[in-house]
Amino acid sequence: MPILRNIGPPSIYMPASKTQIEGQPDALMIQGFATGGGAMRWIGEHLARAGLTATVPSSGGLLGYLQTRRVAHAARRIADRLRGMPGTRRTWLIGHSIGGLISRYVVQAEDTGDRVAGVITIGTPHRGTVIAAPALAAGLWMASRAPFDVLPRSRIIATLNRRPWPTDIPLVSLYSPTDLLCLHPAGKVPFADQYEHVENRHFAGLGHTELLWNADVIDAITATILGRPDRRQQETPS
């Protein structure tokens, strides 16, 4: 069903099933708006099978685990987690939906470039999305003002797309033109053609949350972190 492919299944609204990984994992996974750590379960399990460690850091949002914080606030929490990690090995950031904007803010506004190996975003509205407007009109802003940050003309969107991207950190946006919440072309990083290490990869026919469990998407995430070629030959639609 299209609705489940874009806002389901119910398990994405549950806490992460595993406890926090102490020390320095290979990746920190940041879930999308109003979802819990359970949304990142499929990616985490696949990474584990590939010998990689990944965890969902505490969002500090509603109920203690839902991602309802605004971008800047959530990014500060992630940045503090990165700075508190032992050693000098860098960590990947994997963000779904608004989690991708949070990941970018960690790099572009929190001065953590020396702690981040790369950023992978999934269904992230890099250009903002008008779908946030109905959510605000429906009164969801009373529970969280995070939807303001994903509006096309928001200060966060303007700031992130105006600031330069670091030359030593890859940024990969995985998106689908049929995503009903991140309406095309919102999922494409607007400055990708200015950097060799910034790219947009499209996955046809997928919904917003379907991107989280699709095998091709998860394979692309794993291959990117491991530094292996992606098995799919992808073209970016206009």
Protein backbone atom coordinates (compact mmCIF):
# COMPACT_ATOMS: atom_id res chain seq x y z
CA MET A 1 0.00 0.00 0.00
CA PRO A 2 1.32 3.49 -0.86
CA ILE A 3 0.62 4.81 2.65
CA LEU A 4 2.71 2.09 4.30
CA ARG A 5 5.50 2.66 1.80
CA ASN A 6 5.65 6.30 2.90
CA ILE A 7 4.76 6.37 6.61
CA GLY A 8 4.93 2.75 7.76
CA PRO A 9 5.27 0.13 9.07
CA PRO A 10 4.34 0.71 12.76
CA SER A 11 7.73 -0.61 13.93
CA ILE A 12 9.47 2.56 12.75
CA TYR A 13 7.80 4.43 15.60
CA MET A 14 9.32 2.17 18.23
CA PRO A 15 12.62 2.61 20.12
CA ALA A 16 15.78 0.97 18.84
CA SER A 17 15.78 -2.72 19.75
CA LYS A 18 19.45 -2.78 20.70
CA THR A 19 21.21 -0.91 23.45
CA GLN A 20 23.56 1.94 22.72
CA ILE A 21 27.00 0.95 21.45
CA GLU A 22 29.64 2.44 23.69
CA GLY A 23 32.93 3.74 22.34
CA GLN A 24 33.12 4.55 18.64
CA PRO A 25 30.80 2.73 16.22
CA ASP A 26 31.39 2.77 12.47
CA ALA A 27 28.16 4.71 11.98
CA LEU A 28 25.63 6.82 13.83
CA MET A 29 22.11 6.51 12.41
CA ILE A 30 19.66 9.41 12.79
CA GLN A 31 15.98 8.66 12.15
CA GLY A 32 13.37 10.86 10.49
CA PHE A 33 10.77 13.14 12.03
CA ALA A 34 8.51 11.60 14.70
CA THR A 35 10.02 8.12 14.25
CA GLY A 36 12.04 6.07 16.70
CA GLY A 37 15.28 4.19 16.45
CA GLY A 38 13.32 1.20 15.16
CA ALA A 39 13.21 2.95 11.79
CA MET A 40 16.91 2.27 11.29
CA ARG A 41 16.72 -1.43 12.24
CA TRP A 42 17.06 -2.85 8.71
CA ILE A 43 20.12 -0.75 7.92
CA GLY A 44 21.76 -1.55 11.26
CA GLU A 45 21.21 -5.28 10.84
CA HIS A 46 22.67 -5.28 7.33
CA LEU A 47 25.71 -3.30 8.45
CA ALA A 48 26.24 -5.77 11.28
CA ARG A 49 26.25 -8.67 8.81
CA ALA A 50 28.95 -6.79 6.90
CA GLY A 51 31.05 -6.55 10.06
CA LEU A 52 30.22 -2.91 10.81
CA THR A 53 28.88 -1.41 14.02
CA ALA A 54 26.07 1.14 14.00
CA THR A 55 23.86 2.69 16.64
CA VAL A 56 21.05 5.23 16.97
CA PRO A 57 22.08 8.02 19.36
CA SER A 58 19.48 9.34 21.76
CA SER A 59 17.43 12.09 20.15
CA GLY A 60 16.10 13.51 23.39
CA GLY A 61 12.76 14.11 21.74
CA LEU A 62 9.22 13.16 22.66
CA LEU A 63 9.06 10.08 24.90
CA GLY A 64 12.84 10.16 25.01
CA TYR A 65 13.32 8.38 21.69
CA LEU A 66 11.16 9.98 18.98
CA GLN A 67 12.98 12.41 16.67
CA THR A 68 11.00 15.58 17.34
CA ARG A 69 13.86 17.97 18.01
CA ARG A 70 14.63 20.81 15.63
CA VAL A 71 17.66 20.39 13.38
CA ALA A 72 20.11 22.60 15.28
CA HIS A 73 19.21 21.15 18.69
CA ALA A 74 19.47 17.54 17.54
CA ALA A 75 22.72 18.27 15.70
CA ARG A 76 24.31 19.60 18.87
CA ARG A 77 23.51 16.33 20.63
CA ILE A 78 25.08 14.33 17.80
CA ALA A 79 28.12 16.61 17.74
CA ASP A 80 28.60 16.17 21.49
CA ARG A 81 28.45 12.41 21.02
CA LEU A 82 31.10 12.58 18.31
CA ARG A 83 33.40 14.78 20.38
CA GLY A 84 33.10 12.39 23.31
CA MET A 85 34.22 9.36 21.34
CA PRO A 86 37.68 7.95 22.08
CA GLY A 87 40.38 7.73 19.44
CA THR A 88 40.75 9.55 16.15
CA ARG A 89 38.90 7.21 13.78
CA ARG A 90 36.09 8.94 11.93
CA THR A 91 32.45 7.86 12.04
CA TRP A 92 29.84 7.80 9.28
CA LEU A 93 26.52 9.60 9.72
CA ILE A 94 23.44 8.01 8.15
CA GLY A 95 20.29 10.13 8.28
CA HIS A 96 16.75 9.49 7.07
CA SER A 97 14.51 12.41 6.11
CA ILE A 98 15.14 15.28 8.58
CA GLY A 99 17.88 13.07 10.03
CA GLY A 100 19.87 13.81 6.89
CA LEU A 101 19.60 17.55 7.50
CA ILE A 102 20.69 16.98 11.09
CA SER A 103 23.70 15.03 9.80
CA ARG A 104 24.63 17.84 7.44
CA TYR A 105 24.26 20.43 10.19
CA VAL A 106 26.62 18.41 12.39
CA VAL A 107 29.28 18.77 9.70
CA GLN A 108 28.54 22.25 8.37
CA ALA A 109 27.70 24.12 11.55
CA GLU A 110 29.13 22.17 14.48
CA ASP A 111 32.81 22.03 13.44
CA THR A 112 33.04 18.24 13.64
CA GLY A 113 34.59 17.55 10.25
CA ASP A 114 37.58 15.87 11.84
CA ARG A 115 35.25 13.32 13.47
CA VAL A 116 33.06 12.45 10.46
CA ALA A 117 34.07 9.95 7.76
CA GLY A 118 31.12 10.73 5.50
CA VAL A 119 27.41 11.48 5.36
CA ILE A 120 24.71 9.36 3.73
CA THR A 121 21.21 10.79 3.55
CA ILE A 122 18.05 8.84 2.70
CA GLY A 123 14.91 10.58 1.47
CA THR A 124 16.20 13.87 2.86
CA PRO A 125 14.58 17.15 1.68
CA HIS A 126 17.82 18.96 0.85
CA ARG A 127 15.83 21.69 -0.92
CA GLY A 128 12.99 21.63 1.57
CA THR A 129 9.57 20.07 1.03
CA VAL A 130 6.14 21.67 0.90
CA ILE A 131 4.65 18.57 2.54
CA ALA A 132 5.69 20.08 5.88
CA ALA A 133 3.13 22.84 5.46
CA PRO A 134 0.06 20.59 5.92
CA ALA A 135 1.68 19.10 9.02
CA LEU A 136 2.06 22.56 10.49
CA ALA A 137 -1.47 23.52 9.49
CA ALA A 138 -2.79 20.39 11.18
CA GLY A 139 -1.30 21.55 14.45
CA LEU A 140 1.67 19.21 14.74
CA TRP A 141 3.78 22.26 15.54
CA MET A 142 2.27 22.12 19.02
CA ALA A 143 4.21 18.88 19.62
CA SER A 144 7.30 19.88 17.64
CA ARG A 145 8.45 22.79 15.53
CA ALA A 146 10.86 20.62 13.56
CA PRO A 147 8.60 20.74 10.44
CA PHE A 148 9.45 24.45 10.15
CA ASP A 149 13.05 23.43 9.41
CA VAL A 150 12.14 21.41 6.30
CA LEU A 151 10.06 24.06 4.58
CA PRO A 152 11.67 25.16 1.27
CA ARG A 153 12.34 28.71 2.51
CA SER A 154 13.43 27.79 6.03
CA ARG A 155 16.54 29.30 7.58
CA ILE A 156 18.04 25.83 8.04
CA ILE A 157 17.64 24.90 4.36
CA ALA A 158 19.10 28.23 3.25
CA THR A 159 22.03 27.97 5.67
CA LEU A 160 22.99 24.43 4.73
CA ASN A 161 22.82 25.07 0.98
CA ARG A 162 24.75 28.32 1.25
CA ARG A 163 27.68 27.02 3.28
CA PRO A 164 30.51 25.15 1.53
CA TRP A 165 30.81 21.41 1.95
CA PRO A 166 34.15 20.05 3.29
CA THR A 167 36.49 18.78 0.60
CA ASP A 168 37.44 15.61 2.49
CA ILE A 169 33.98 14.29 3.50
CA PRO A 170 31.78 12.42 1.02
CA LEU A 171 28.10 13.32 0.93
CA VAL A 172 25.75 10.84 -0.78
CA SER A 173 22.02 11.47 -1.13
CA LEU A 174 19.85 8.41 -1.79
CA TYR A 175 16.37 9.43 -2.92
CA SER A 176 13.37 8.31 -4.95
CA PRO A 177 11.39 10.49 -7.38
CA THR A 178 8.22 8.72 -6.15
CA ASP A 179 8.77 9.62 -2.49
CA LEU A 180 5.50 11.29 -1.42
CA LEU A 181 6.97 13.13 1.59
CA CYS A 182 10.23 14.32 0.07
CA LEU A 183 8.78 15.51 -3.20
CA HIS A 184 11.10 15.38 -6.22
CA PRO A 185 13.53 17.10 -6.71
CA ALA A 186 13.82 17.94 -3.00
CA GLY A 187 15.92 14.84 -2.36
CA LYS A 188 18.76 16.01 -4.61
CA VAL A 189 21.64 17.95 -3.06
CA PRO A 190 21.56 21.21 -5.06
CA PHE A 191 25.35 21.70 -5.14
CA ALA A 192 26.30 18.12 -6.10
CA ASP A 193 27.70 19.18 -9.47
CA GLN A 194 30.23 21.43 -7.71
CA TYR A 195 32.01 18.62 -5.84
CA GLU A 196 33.39 15.28 -7.01
CA HIS A 197 32.64 13.68 -3.64
CA VAL A 198 29.01 14.87 -3.41
CA GLU A 199 26.48 12.83 -5.36
CA ASN A 200 22.80 12.11 -5.80
CA ARG A 201 21.66 8.53 -6.41
CA HIS A 202 18.05 7.80 -7.33
CA PHE A 203 16.05 4.65 -6.68
CA ALA A 204 12.91 4.44 -8.80
CA GLY A 205 9.50 3.53 -7.47
CA LEU A 206 10.14 3.72 -3.72
CA GLY A 207 8.24 5.46 -0.94
CA HIS A 208 9.64 7.62 1.85
CA THR A 209 10.00 4.92 4.50
CA GLU A 210 10.34 2.11 1.96
CA LEU A 211 13.82 3.49 1.30
CA LEU A 212 14.77 2.26 4.77
CA TRP A 213 14.24 -1.44 4.06
CA ASN A 214 14.81 -1.65 0.30
CA ALA A 215 17.67 -4.08 -0.42
CA ASP A 216 19.23 -1.94 -3.16
CA VAL A 217 19.30 1.13 -0.92
CA ILE A 218 20.80 -0.79 2.00
CA ASP A 219 23.38 -2.39 -0.29
CA ALA A 220 24.36 1.08 -1.54
CA ILE A 221 24.79 2.34 2.02
CA THR A 222 26.98 -0.62 2.97
CA ALA A 223 29.07 -0.39 -0.21
CA THR A 224 29.64 3.33 0.33
CA ILE A 225 30.90 2.85 3.88
CA LEU A 226 33.11 -0.08 2.87
CA GLY A 227 34.47 1.86 -0.10
CA ARG A 228 33.22 -0.68 -2.63
CA PRO A 229 31.57 0.02 -6.00
CA ASP A 230 27.79 0.08 -5.91
CA ARG A 231 26.32 -2.94 -7.67
CA ARG A 232 23.65 -0.83 -9.34
CA GLN A 233 24.34 1.39 -12.31
CA GLN A 234 22.38 4.52 -11.47
CA GLU A 235 21.44 7.54 -13.48
CA THR A 236 20.14 10.75 -12.03
CA PRO A 237 16.79 11.74 -13.58
CA SER A 238 16.18 15.33 -14.55
